[in-house]
Amino acid sequence: MDQTKIKEFEVDQDQIYAGIFWVISDSRQYKDYELLIFNVSCDSDGNIIDASDIMTQSKMGDTYDHQKIWDAEIKGSSSYNHLNDKEYDYYPRGRVEVSRGWGYINVALSINKMAITDEVAERFGLMSDNISRIMVMPEISGQYKSFLDKK
């Protein structure tokens, strides 16, 4: 299967995006953190607009996989030297999905904080007039556990 890679980039505030993210911080307080985003533009129904920048390697084959993106884009990259010794599940992470005019932010419990989810919503374009509701969905299954949850 031919796969191209999604890219981290600054967002166009008039565009809606779906994708994955990590909150890079070694503190539980998250006063200082880096929001690491990999996303692709989509419409308000979640239909991908430009598939040229997406790596579809998830279990379902139509969205992102945190581990595969981390291994392909972060590990060994000179742009992310400070993260090279970490595994994909070291930092808390989440996913943004869009469907039927709603934005869904699936997020690790440890980063379910209004300041963080508001920034995620803004950076993914969920404040758009085309999005009627934003649902923050804390992940309770353990799928997004990080080093903070293991202490």
C-alpha atoms as a PDB file:
ATOM      1  CA  MET A   1       0.000   0.000   0.000  1.00  0.00           C
ATOM      2  CA  ASP A   2       1.385   3.406  -0.964  1.00  0.00           C
ATOM      3  CA  GLN A   3       1.400   5.615   2.104  1.00  0.00           C
ATOM      4  CA  THR A   4       2.255   9.253   2.382  1.00  0.00           C
ATOM      5  CA  LYS A   5       2.899  10.873   5.711  1.00  0.00           C
ATOM      6  CA  ILE A   6       0.815  13.432   7.492  1.00  0.00           C
ATOM      7  CA  LYS A   7       2.718  16.510   8.525  1.00  0.00           C
ATOM      8  CA  GLU A   8       2.732  18.754  11.534  1.00  0.00           C
ATOM      9  CA  PHE A   9       1.890  22.274  10.406  1.00  0.00           C
ATOM     10  CA  GLU A  10       0.305  25.513  11.464  1.00  0.00           C
ATOM     11  CA  VAL A  11      -3.429  25.521  10.939  1.00  0.00           C
ATOM     12  CA  ASP A  12      -5.563  27.815   8.829  1.00  0.00           C
ATOM     13  CA  GLN A  13      -8.133  29.141  11.301  1.00  0.00           C
ATOM     14  CA  ASP A  14     -10.840  28.966   8.637  1.00  0.00           C
ATOM     15  CA  GLN A  15     -10.273  25.242   8.066  1.00  0.00           C
ATOM     16  CA  ILE A  16     -11.489  22.229  10.076  1.00  0.00           C
ATOM     17  CA  TYR A  17      -9.040  19.418  10.843  1.00  0.00           C
ATOM     18  CA  ALA A  18      -9.098  15.863  12.170  1.00  0.00           C
ATOM     19  CA  GLY A  19      -6.055  14.118  13.568  1.00  0.00           C
ATOM     20  CA  ILE A  20      -3.995  13.182  16.574  1.00  0.00           C
ATOM     21  CA  PHE A  21      -2.026  15.096  19.173  1.00  0.00           C
ATOM     22  CA  TRP A  22       0.282  14.749  22.146  1.00  0.00           C
ATOM     23  CA  VAL A  23       0.713  17.080  25.109  1.00  0.00           C
ATOM     24  CA  ILE A  24       4.458  17.195  25.716  1.00  0.00           C
ATOM     25  CA  SER A  25       5.236  18.072  29.328  1.00  0.00           C
ATOM     26  CA  ASP A  26       7.072  16.432  32.189  1.00  0.00           C
ATOM     27  CA  SER A  27       4.819  18.085  34.752  1.00  0.00           C
ATOM     28  CA  ARG A  28       1.369  17.092  35.909  1.00  0.00           C
ATOM     29  CA  GLN A  29       0.392  20.751  36.193  1.00  0.00           C
ATOM     30  CA  TYR A  30       0.824  21.475  32.457  1.00  0.00           C
ATOM     31  CA  LYS A  31       1.813  25.086  33.064  1.00  0.00           C
ATOM     32  CA  ASP A  32       4.337  24.685  30.256  1.00  0.00           C
ATOM     33  CA  TYR A  33       3.563  22.216  27.513  1.00  0.00           C
ATOM     34  CA  GLU A  34       4.022  21.702  23.809  1.00  0.00           C
ATOM     35  CA  LEU A  35       1.029  20.622  21.750  1.00  0.00           C
ATOM     36  CA  LEU A  36       2.336  18.276  19.062  1.00  0.00           C
ATOM     37  CA  ILE A  37      -0.282  17.951  16.308  1.00  0.00           C
ATOM     38  CA  PHE A  38      -0.565  15.807  13.204  1.00  0.00           C
ATOM     39  CA  ASN A  39      -3.721  16.571  11.262  1.00  0.00           C
ATOM     40  CA  VAL A  40      -5.437  16.670   7.906  1.00  0.00           C
ATOM     41  CA  SER A  41      -8.063  19.076   6.614  1.00  0.00           C
ATOM     42  CA  CYS A  42     -11.638  17.845   6.442  1.00  0.00           C
ATOM     43  CA  ASP A  43     -15.149  19.182   6.016  1.00  0.00           C
ATOM     44  CA  SER A  44     -17.784  19.399   8.755  1.00  0.00           C
ATOM     45  CA  ASP A  45     -18.818  15.800   8.029  1.00  0.00           C
ATOM     46  CA  GLY A  46     -15.265  14.545   8.554  1.00  0.00           C
ATOM     47  CA  ASN A  47     -14.592  13.884   4.876  1.00  0.00           C
ATOM     48  CA  ILE A  48     -10.882  14.364   4.203  1.00  0.00           C
ATOM     49  CA  ILE A  49     -10.265  17.194   1.767  1.00  0.00           C
ATOM     50  CA  ASP A  50      -6.649  16.499   0.861  1.00  0.00           C
ATOM     51  CA  ALA A  51      -5.525  12.921   1.422  1.00  0.00           C
ATOM     52  CA  SER A  52      -2.030  13.577   0.088  1.00  0.00           C
ATOM     53  CA  ASP A  53      -0.715  14.314   3.591  1.00  0.00           C
ATOM     54  CA  ILE A  54      -2.276  11.437   5.497  1.00  0.00           C
ATOM     55  CA  MET A  55      -0.803   8.141   6.616  1.00  0.00           C
ATOM     56  CA  THR A  56      -3.743   5.785   7.013  1.00  0.00           C
ATOM     57  CA  GLN A  57      -2.285   3.093   9.205  1.00  0.00           C
ATOM     58  CA  SER A  58      -4.823   2.746  11.974  1.00  0.00           C
ATOM     59  CA  LYS A  59      -6.580  -0.509  12.750  1.00  0.00           C
ATOM     60  CA  MET A  60      -9.531   0.662  10.678  1.00  0.00           C
ATOM     61  CA  GLY A  61      -7.257   1.977   7.922  1.00  0.00           C
ATOM     62  CA  ASP A  62      -8.937   5.353   7.572  1.00  0.00           C
ATOM     63  CA  THR A  63      -7.432   7.452  10.348  1.00  0.00           C
ATOM     64  CA  TYR A  64      -4.272   7.945  12.352  1.00  0.00           C
ATOM     65  CA  ASP A  65      -2.320   5.566  14.528  1.00  0.00           C
ATOM     66  CA  HIS A  66      -0.326   7.258  17.311  1.00  0.00           C
ATOM     67  CA  GLN A  67       2.387   4.602  17.438  1.00  0.00           C
ATOM     68  CA  LYS A  68       2.976   4.479  13.687  1.00  0.00           C
ATOM     69  CA  ILE A  69       3.032   8.246  13.318  1.00  0.00           C
ATOM     70  CA  TRP A  70       5.434   8.558  16.287  1.00  0.00           C
ATOM     71  CA  ASP A  71       7.743   5.904  14.839  1.00  0.00           C
ATOM     72  CA  ALA A  72       7.623   7.387  11.329  1.00  0.00           C
ATOM     73  CA  GLU A  73       7.771  11.101  12.151  1.00  0.00           C
ATOM     74  CA  ILE A  74       9.256  11.595  15.625  1.00  0.00           C
ATOM     75  CA  LYS A  75      11.707   8.789  16.363  1.00  0.00           C
ATOM     76  CA  GLY A  76      15.097   9.588  14.900  1.00  0.00           C
ATOM     77  CA  SER A  77      13.990  12.956  13.528  1.00  0.00           C
ATOM     78  CA  SER A  78      16.433  15.811  14.072  1.00  0.00           C
ATOM     79  CA  SER A  79      13.430  18.120  14.423  1.00  0.00           C
ATOM     80  CA  TYR A  80      12.360  16.221  17.539  1.00  0.00           C
ATOM     81  CA  ASN A  81      15.699  15.414  19.214  1.00  0.00           C
ATOM     82  CA  HIS A  82      14.185  16.064  22.653  1.00  0.00           C
ATOM     83  CA  LEU A  83      11.616  13.291  22.043  1.00  0.00           C
ATOM     84  CA  ASN A  84      13.800  10.646  20.365  1.00  0.00           C
ATOM     85  CA  ASP A  85      14.347   8.608  23.528  1.00  0.00           C
ATOM     86  CA  LYS A  86      10.621   8.406  24.343  1.00  0.00           C
ATOM     87  CA  GLU A  87       8.024   5.910  23.171  1.00  0.00           C
ATOM     88  CA  TYR A  88       4.741   7.000  21.579  1.00  0.00           C
ATOM     89  CA  ASP A  89       2.801   6.344  24.785  1.00  0.00           C
ATOM     90  CA  TYR A  90       5.130   8.253  27.117  1.00  0.00           C
ATOM     91  CA  TYR A  91       3.192  11.525  26.835  1.00  0.00           C
ATOM     92  CA  PRO A  92      -0.593  11.943  27.166  1.00  0.00           C
ATOM     93  CA  ARG A  93      -2.331  12.039  23.822  1.00  0.00           C
ATOM     94  CA  GLY A  94      -5.656  12.327  22.110  1.00  0.00           C
ATOM     95  CA  ARG A  95      -7.536  12.375  18.845  1.00  0.00           C
ATOM     96  CA  VAL A  96      -9.886  14.793  17.114  1.00  0.00           C
ATOM     97  CA  GLU A  97     -12.668  13.491  14.905  1.00  0.00           C
ATOM     98  CA  VAL A  98     -15.343  15.395  13.028  1.00  0.00           C
ATOM     99  CA  SER A  99     -18.752  14.041  12.037  1.00  0.00           C
ATOM    100  CA  ARG A 100     -22.104  15.575  11.091  1.00  0.00           C
ATOM    101  CA  GLY A 101     -21.043  19.053  12.123  1.00  0.00           C
ATOM    102  CA  TRP A 102     -19.771  17.977  15.538  1.00  0.00           C
ATOM    103  CA  GLY A 103     -16.169  17.981  16.752  1.00  0.00           C
ATOM    104  CA  TYR A 104     -15.059  15.183  19.073  1.00  0.00           C
ATOM    105  CA  ILE A 105     -11.955  15.507  21.211  1.00  0.00           C
ATOM    106  CA  ASN A 106     -10.954  12.112  22.618  1.00  0.00           C
ATOM    107  CA  VAL A 107      -8.429  12.833  25.332  1.00  0.00           C
ATOM    108  CA  ALA A 108      -6.390  11.083  28.030  1.00  0.00           C
ATOM    109  CA  LEU A 109      -7.809  11.672  31.496  1.00  0.00           C
ATOM    110  CA  SER A 110      -4.591  13.354  32.659  1.00  0.00           C
ATOM    111  CA  ILE A 111      -4.945  16.125  30.050  1.00  0.00           C
ATOM    112  CA  ASN A 112      -8.699  16.606  30.287  1.00  0.00           C
ATOM    113  CA  LYS A 113      -8.218  20.222  31.321  1.00  0.00           C
ATOM    114  CA  MET A 114     -10.180  23.124  29.874  1.00  0.00           C
ATOM    115  CA  ALA A 115      -7.085  25.126  28.874  1.00  0.00           C
ATOM    116  CA  ILE A 116      -5.725  22.159  26.905  1.00  0.00           C
ATOM    117  CA  THR A 117      -8.983  21.048  25.288  1.00  0.00           C
ATOM    118  CA  ASP A 118      -9.801  24.654  24.348  1.00  0.00           C
ATOM    119  CA  GLU A 119      -6.425  24.984  22.633  1.00  0.00           C
ATOM    120  CA  VAL A 120      -6.943  21.655  20.850  1.00  0.00           C
ATOM    121  CA  ALA A 121     -10.380  22.803  19.654  1.00  0.00           C
ATOM    122  CA  GLU A 122      -8.932  26.060  18.374  1.00  0.00           C
ATOM    123  CA  ARG A 123      -5.911  24.492  16.663  1.00  0.00           C
ATOM    124  CA  PHE A 124      -8.125  21.900  14.918  1.00  0.00           C
ATOM    125  CA  GLY A 125     -10.526  24.588  13.679  1.00  0.00           C
ATOM    126  CA  LEU A 126     -13.451  23.330  15.759  1.00  0.00           C
ATOM    127  CA  MET A 127     -14.463  26.906  16.583  1.00  0.00           C
ATOM    128  CA  SER A 128     -15.654  27.177  12.977  1.00  0.00           C
ATOM    129  CA  ASP A 129     -19.218  28.240  12.269  1.00  0.00           C
ATOM    130  CA  ASN A 130     -19.569  24.864  10.494  1.00  0.00           C
ATOM    131  CA  ILE A 131     -19.128  22.988  13.784  1.00  0.00           C
ATOM    132  CA  SER A 132     -22.288  23.136  15.874  1.00  0.00           C
ATOM    133  CA  ARG A 133     -21.026  21.313  18.963  1.00  0.00           C
ATOM    134  CA  ILE A 134     -17.735  20.192  20.484  1.00  0.00           C
ATOM    135  CA  MET A 135     -17.748  17.079  22.650  1.00  0.00           C
ATOM    136  CA  VAL A 136     -14.761  16.394  24.919  1.00  0.00           C
ATOM    137  CA  MET A 137     -14.629  12.676  25.562  1.00  0.00           C
ATOM    138  CA  PRO A 138     -12.215  11.610  28.330  1.00  0.00           C
ATOM    139  CA  GLU A 139     -10.727   8.213  27.548  1.00  0.00           C
ATOM    140  CA  ILE A 140     -11.486   5.812  30.399  1.00  0.00           C
ATOM    141  CA  SER A 141     -10.520   2.524  28.741  1.00  0.00           C
ATOM    142  CA  GLY A 142      -6.810   3.154  29.245  1.00  0.00           C
ATOM    143  CA  GLN A 143      -6.094   3.457  25.513  1.00  0.00           C
ATOM    144  CA  TYR A 144      -4.340   6.811  25.982  1.00  0.00           C
ATOM    145  CA  LYS A 145      -2.445   6.048  29.208  1.00  0.00           C
ATOM    146  CA  SER A 146       0.931   7.773  29.573  1.00  0.00           C
ATOM    147  CA  PHE A 147       3.804   7.885  32.022  1.00  0.00           C
ATOM    148  CA  LEU A 148       1.676  10.149  34.232  1.00  0.00           C
ATOM    149  CA  ASP A 149      -0.874   7.377  34.682  1.00  0.00           C
ATOM    150  CA  LYS A 150       1.815   4.824  35.567  1.00  0.00           C
ATOM    151  CA  LYS A 151       3.306   6.701  38.535  1.00  0.00           C
END
